[in-house]
Amino acid sequence: MQTVKTLHARKRIALIAHDHKKAELIEWATYNKNVLNRHELYGTGTTGKLIEAALDVSVRKLLSGPLGGDQQIGALIAEGALDVIIFFWDPMEALPHDPDIKALLRLSVVWNIPVACNRASADFLMTSPLMHQEYEVILPDYSQYLGRKV
């Protein structure tokens, strides 16, 4: 039996960027301001503050990524409280919180959450007709995993 979760037309979007990608995310968000304003926005640390200022819109600001913000995003994913992740991460820089980043991305896959990791994928995601209507996400069946004998 499949379990589905309905994503409403007004999505809950997390906007995250590493330090060397913040300017690019702000530029992208400003270009997509009219689309983003239709949704509920979340952001980690400084990124949330910058998005809020650039778009003149309310952003639910979490902790900075290295201080637990990535884990907060992961928890929101696991709780079903986020619908989309836009995460401009820096592939050229090792970061002390890399395990947290990997965990966040892993949870996105576990719970079948759309993720964009660069400008091109974010553009494709935001211009999809599915972004602006209800959408039923098929949730993976983890009953065998949960019922395993350990």
C-alpha atoms as a PDB file:
ATOM      1  CA  MET A   1       0.000   0.000   0.000  1.00  0.00           C
ATOM      2  CA  GLN A   2       1.360   3.397  -0.989  1.00  0.00           C
ATOM      3  CA  THR A   3       1.281   6.361   1.321  1.00  0.00           C
ATOM      4  CA  VAL A   4       0.920   9.775  -0.239  1.00  0.00           C
ATOM      5  CA  LYS A   5       1.380  13.236   1.150  1.00  0.00           C
ATOM      6  CA  THR A   6      -0.262  16.215  -0.502  1.00  0.00           C
ATOM      7  CA  LEU A   7       1.918  19.229  -1.136  1.00  0.00           C
ATOM      8  CA  HIS A   8      -0.326  22.255  -1.312  1.00  0.00           C
ATOM      9  CA  ALA A   9      -0.059  24.922  -4.001  1.00  0.00           C
ATOM     10  CA  ARG A  10       1.664  27.138  -1.425  1.00  0.00           C
ATOM     11  CA  LYS A  11       4.873  25.217  -0.785  1.00  0.00           C
ATOM     12  CA  ARG A  12       7.130  25.384   2.261  1.00  0.00           C
ATOM     13  CA  ILE A  13      10.556  26.107   0.760  1.00  0.00           C
ATOM     14  CA  ALA A  14      13.914  26.014   2.545  1.00  0.00           C
ATOM     15  CA  LEU A  15      16.554  28.330   1.077  1.00  0.00           C
ATOM     16  CA  ILE A  16      20.128  27.485   2.075  1.00  0.00           C
ATOM     17  CA  ALA A  17      23.504  28.651   0.747  1.00  0.00           C
ATOM     18  CA  HIS A  18      27.096  28.212   1.757  1.00  0.00           C
ATOM     19  CA  ASP A  19      29.115  31.392   2.245  1.00  0.00           C
ATOM     20  CA  HIS A  20      30.615  31.425  -1.258  1.00  0.00           C
ATOM     21  CA  LYS A  21      27.155  30.781  -2.783  1.00  0.00           C
ATOM     22  CA  LYS A  22      25.079  33.310  -0.827  1.00  0.00           C
ATOM     23  CA  ALA A  23      25.402  36.088  -3.431  1.00  0.00           C
ATOM     24  CA  GLU A  24      24.324  33.689  -6.175  1.00  0.00           C
ATOM     25  CA  LEU A  25      21.295  32.521  -4.169  1.00  0.00           C
ATOM     26  CA  ILE A  26      20.273  36.110  -3.346  1.00  0.00           C
ATOM     27  CA  GLU A  27      20.561  37.066  -7.033  1.00  0.00           C
ATOM     28  CA  TRP A  28      18.490  33.999  -8.014  1.00  0.00           C
ATOM     29  CA  ALA A  29      15.894  34.669  -5.311  1.00  0.00           C
ATOM     30  CA  THR A  30      15.578  38.309  -6.351  1.00  0.00           C
ATOM     31  CA  TYR A  31      15.017  37.235  -9.958  1.00  0.00           C
ATOM     32  CA  ASN A  32      12.361  34.749  -8.727  1.00  0.00           C
ATOM     33  CA  LYS A  33      10.832  37.094  -6.149  1.00  0.00           C
ATOM     34  CA  ASN A  34       7.305  36.991  -7.598  1.00  0.00           C
ATOM     35  CA  VAL A  35       7.260  33.196  -7.524  1.00  0.00           C
ATOM     36  CA  LEU A  36       8.878  32.872  -4.094  1.00  0.00           C
ATOM     37  CA  ASN A  37       6.456  35.381  -2.553  1.00  0.00           C
ATOM     38  CA  ARG A  38       3.626  32.889  -3.184  1.00  0.00           C
ATOM     39  CA  HIS A  39       5.254  30.355  -0.871  1.00  0.00           C
ATOM     40  CA  GLU A  40       6.291  30.006   2.777  1.00  0.00           C
ATOM     41  CA  LEU A  41      10.040  30.506   3.088  1.00  0.00           C
ATOM     42  CA  TYR A  42      12.546  29.078   5.562  1.00  0.00           C
ATOM     43  CA  GLY A  43      16.240  29.855   5.743  1.00  0.00           C
ATOM     44  CA  THR A  44      19.308  28.996   7.746  1.00  0.00           C
ATOM     45  CA  GLY A  45      21.255  31.687   9.587  1.00  0.00           C
ATOM     46  CA  THR A  46      22.568  34.558   7.526  1.00  0.00           C
ATOM     47  CA  THR A  47      20.944  33.215   4.355  1.00  0.00           C
ATOM     48  CA  GLY A  48      17.488  33.638   5.896  1.00  0.00           C
ATOM     49  CA  LYS A  49      18.263  37.220   6.916  1.00  0.00           C
ATOM     50  CA  LEU A  50      19.641  38.073   3.466  1.00  0.00           C
ATOM     51  CA  ILE A  51      16.624  36.556   1.669  1.00  0.00           C
ATOM     52  CA  GLU A  52      14.225  38.396   3.974  1.00  0.00           C
ATOM     53  CA  ALA A  53      15.957  41.722   3.286  1.00  0.00           C
ATOM     54  CA  ALA A  54      16.325  41.171  -0.475  1.00  0.00           C
ATOM     55  CA  LEU A  55      12.728  40.065  -1.039  1.00  0.00           C
ATOM     56  CA  ASP A  56      11.061  42.145   1.694  1.00  0.00           C
ATOM     57  CA  VAL A  57       9.189  39.025   2.779  1.00  0.00           C
ATOM     58  CA  SER A  58       8.965  37.079   6.018  1.00  0.00           C
ATOM     59  CA  VAL A  59      11.377  34.143   6.289  1.00  0.00           C
ATOM     60  CA  ARG A  60      11.332  31.641   9.145  1.00  0.00           C
ATOM     61  CA  LYS A  61      14.961  31.883  10.183  1.00  0.00           C
ATOM     62  CA  LEU A  62      16.706  28.894  11.727  1.00  0.00           C
ATOM     63  CA  LEU A  63      20.201  28.612  13.172  1.00  0.00           C
ATOM     64  CA  SER A  64      23.294  28.961  11.029  1.00  0.00           C
ATOM     65  CA  GLY A  65      24.080  25.668   9.258  1.00  0.00           C
ATOM     66  CA  PRO A  66      27.235  24.834  11.242  1.00  0.00           C
ATOM     67  CA  LEU A  67      25.454  25.716  14.510  1.00  0.00           C
ATOM     68  CA  GLY A  68      22.586  23.271  13.922  1.00  0.00           C
ATOM     69  CA  GLY A  69      20.556  24.911  11.151  1.00  0.00           C
ATOM     70  CA  ASP A  70      21.210  22.036   8.728  1.00  0.00           C
ATOM     71  CA  GLN A  71      19.988  19.622  11.387  1.00  0.00           C
ATOM     72  CA  GLN A  72      16.913  21.789  11.989  1.00  0.00           C
ATOM     73  CA  ILE A  73      16.131  21.609   8.258  1.00  0.00           C
ATOM     74  CA  GLY A  74      16.610  17.836   8.412  1.00  0.00           C
ATOM     75  CA  ALA A  75      14.210  17.606  11.353  1.00  0.00           C
ATOM     76  CA  LEU A  76      11.602  19.659   9.477  1.00  0.00           C
ATOM     77  CA  ILE A  77      11.954  17.293   6.507  1.00  0.00           C
ATOM     78  CA  ALA A  78      11.488  14.241   8.757  1.00  0.00           C
ATOM     79  CA  GLU A  79       8.431  15.850  10.363  1.00  0.00           C
ATOM     80  CA  GLY A  80       6.888  16.532   6.950  1.00  0.00           C
ATOM     81  CA  ALA A  81       7.062  20.291   7.532  1.00  0.00           C
ATOM     82  CA  LEU A  82       9.050  21.195   4.372  1.00  0.00           C
ATOM     83  CA  ASP A  83       8.134  20.593   0.740  1.00  0.00           C
ATOM     84  CA  VAL A  84      11.102  21.844  -1.302  1.00  0.00           C
ATOM     85  CA  ILE A  85      14.808  22.450  -0.645  1.00  0.00           C
ATOM     86  CA  ILE A  86      16.852  25.009  -2.588  1.00  0.00           C
ATOM     87  CA  PHE A  87      20.432  24.482  -1.401  1.00  0.00           C
ATOM     88  CA  PHE A  88      23.240  26.257  -3.213  1.00  0.00           C
ATOM     89  CA  TRP A  89      26.194  24.380  -1.726  1.00  0.00           C
ATOM     90  CA  ASP A  90      29.840  24.892  -2.487  1.00  0.00           C
ATOM     91  CA  PRO A  91      31.343  21.748  -4.059  1.00  0.00           C
ATOM     92  CA  MET A  92      34.869  23.203  -3.916  1.00  0.00           C
ATOM     93  CA  GLU A  93      35.141  23.710  -0.175  1.00  0.00           C
ATOM     94  CA  ALA A  94      35.239  21.128   2.587  1.00  0.00           C
ATOM     95  CA  LEU A  95      33.234  22.303   5.568  1.00  0.00           C
ATOM     96  CA  PRO A  96      33.357  21.188   9.194  1.00  0.00           C
ATOM     97  CA  HIS A  97      29.639  20.417   9.111  1.00  0.00           C
ATOM     98  CA  ASP A  98      29.813  18.234   5.958  1.00  0.00           C
ATOM     99  CA  PRO A  99      28.201  15.286   7.858  1.00  0.00           C
ATOM    100  CA  ASP A 100      25.198  17.521   8.677  1.00  0.00           C
ATOM    101  CA  ILE A 101      24.903  18.537   5.010  1.00  0.00           C
ATOM    102  CA  LYS A 102      25.034  14.908   3.912  1.00  0.00           C
ATOM    103  CA  ALA A 103      22.364  14.027   6.493  1.00  0.00           C
ATOM    104  CA  LEU A 104      20.099  16.836   5.232  1.00  0.00           C
ATOM    105  CA  LEU A 105      20.461  15.673   1.624  1.00  0.00           C
ATOM    106  CA  ARG A 106      19.941  12.040   2.687  1.00  0.00           C
ATOM    107  CA  LEU A 107      16.687  12.919   4.460  1.00  0.00           C
ATOM    108  CA  SER A 108      15.506  14.735   1.336  1.00  0.00           C
ATOM    109  CA  VAL A 109      15.887  11.466  -0.555  1.00  0.00           C
ATOM    110  CA  VAL A 110      14.406   9.374   2.280  1.00  0.00           C
ATOM    111  CA  TRP A 111      11.219  11.488   2.307  1.00  0.00           C
ATOM    112  CA  ASN A 112      11.066  12.168  -1.457  1.00  0.00           C
ATOM    113  CA  ILE A 113      11.525  15.943  -1.179  1.00  0.00           C
ATOM    114  CA  PRO A 114      12.485  17.882  -4.351  1.00  0.00           C
ATOM    115  CA  VAL A 115      15.978  19.378  -4.026  1.00  0.00           C
ATOM    116  CA  ALA A 116      17.780  21.904  -6.205  1.00  0.00           C
ATOM    117  CA  CYS A 117      21.516  22.245  -5.610  1.00  0.00           C
ATOM    118  CA  ASN A 118      22.390  24.877  -8.203  1.00  0.00           C
ATOM    119  CA  ARG A 119      20.838  27.680 -10.214  1.00  0.00           C
ATOM    120  CA  ALA A 120      19.874  25.512 -13.198  1.00  0.00           C
ATOM    121  CA  SER A 121      18.074  22.881 -11.112  1.00  0.00           C
ATOM    122  CA  ALA A 122      16.408  25.638  -9.052  1.00  0.00           C
ATOM    123  CA  ASP A 123      15.192  27.289 -12.279  1.00  0.00           C
ATOM    124  CA  PHE A 124      13.745  24.005 -13.540  1.00  0.00           C
ATOM    125  CA  LEU A 125      12.072  23.309 -10.202  1.00  0.00           C
ATOM    126  CA  MET A 126      10.557  26.778  -9.816  1.00  0.00           C
ATOM    127  CA  THR A 127       9.207  26.877 -13.377  1.00  0.00           C
ATOM    128  CA  SER A 128       7.573  23.452 -13.146  1.00  0.00           C
ATOM    129  CA  PRO A 129       3.763  23.652 -13.274  1.00  0.00           C
ATOM    130  CA  LEU A 130       3.772  21.280 -10.280  1.00  0.00           C
ATOM    131  CA  MET A 131       5.334  24.027  -8.180  1.00  0.00           C
ATOM    132  CA  HIS A 132       2.115  26.043  -8.275  1.00  0.00           C
ATOM    133  CA  GLN A 133      -0.523  23.374  -7.734  1.00  0.00           C
ATOM    134  CA  GLU A 134      -1.284  20.583  -5.336  1.00  0.00           C
ATOM    135  CA  TYR A 135       0.922  17.557  -5.836  1.00  0.00           C
ATOM    136  CA  GLU A 136       0.772  14.117  -4.285  1.00  0.00           C
ATOM    137  CA  VAL A 137       4.182  12.850  -3.223  1.00  0.00           C
ATOM    138  CA  ILE A 138       4.476   9.087  -2.937  1.00  0.00           C
ATOM    139  CA  LEU A 139       6.238   8.333   0.313  1.00  0.00           C
ATOM    140  CA  PRO A 140       8.549   5.334   0.403  1.00  0.00           C
ATOM    141  CA  ASP A 141       7.392   2.321   2.395  1.00  0.00           C
ATOM    142  CA  TYR A 142       9.797   1.750   5.264  1.00  0.00           C
ATOM    143  CA  SER A 143       7.661  -0.863   7.056  1.00  0.00           C
ATOM    144  CA  GLN A 144      10.145  -3.672   6.349  1.00  0.00           C
ATOM    145  CA  TYR A 145      12.991  -1.568   7.644  1.00  0.00           C
ATOM    146  CA  LEU A 146      11.048  -0.592  10.749  1.00  0.00           C
ATOM    147  CA  GLY A 147       9.973  -4.181  11.361  1.00  0.00           C
ATOM    148  CA  ARG A 148      13.397  -5.754  10.956  1.00  0.00           C
ATOM    149  CA  LYS A 149      14.866  -7.837  13.742  1.00  0.00           C
ATOM    150  CA  VAL A 150      17.975  -6.390  15.289  1.00  0.00           C
END
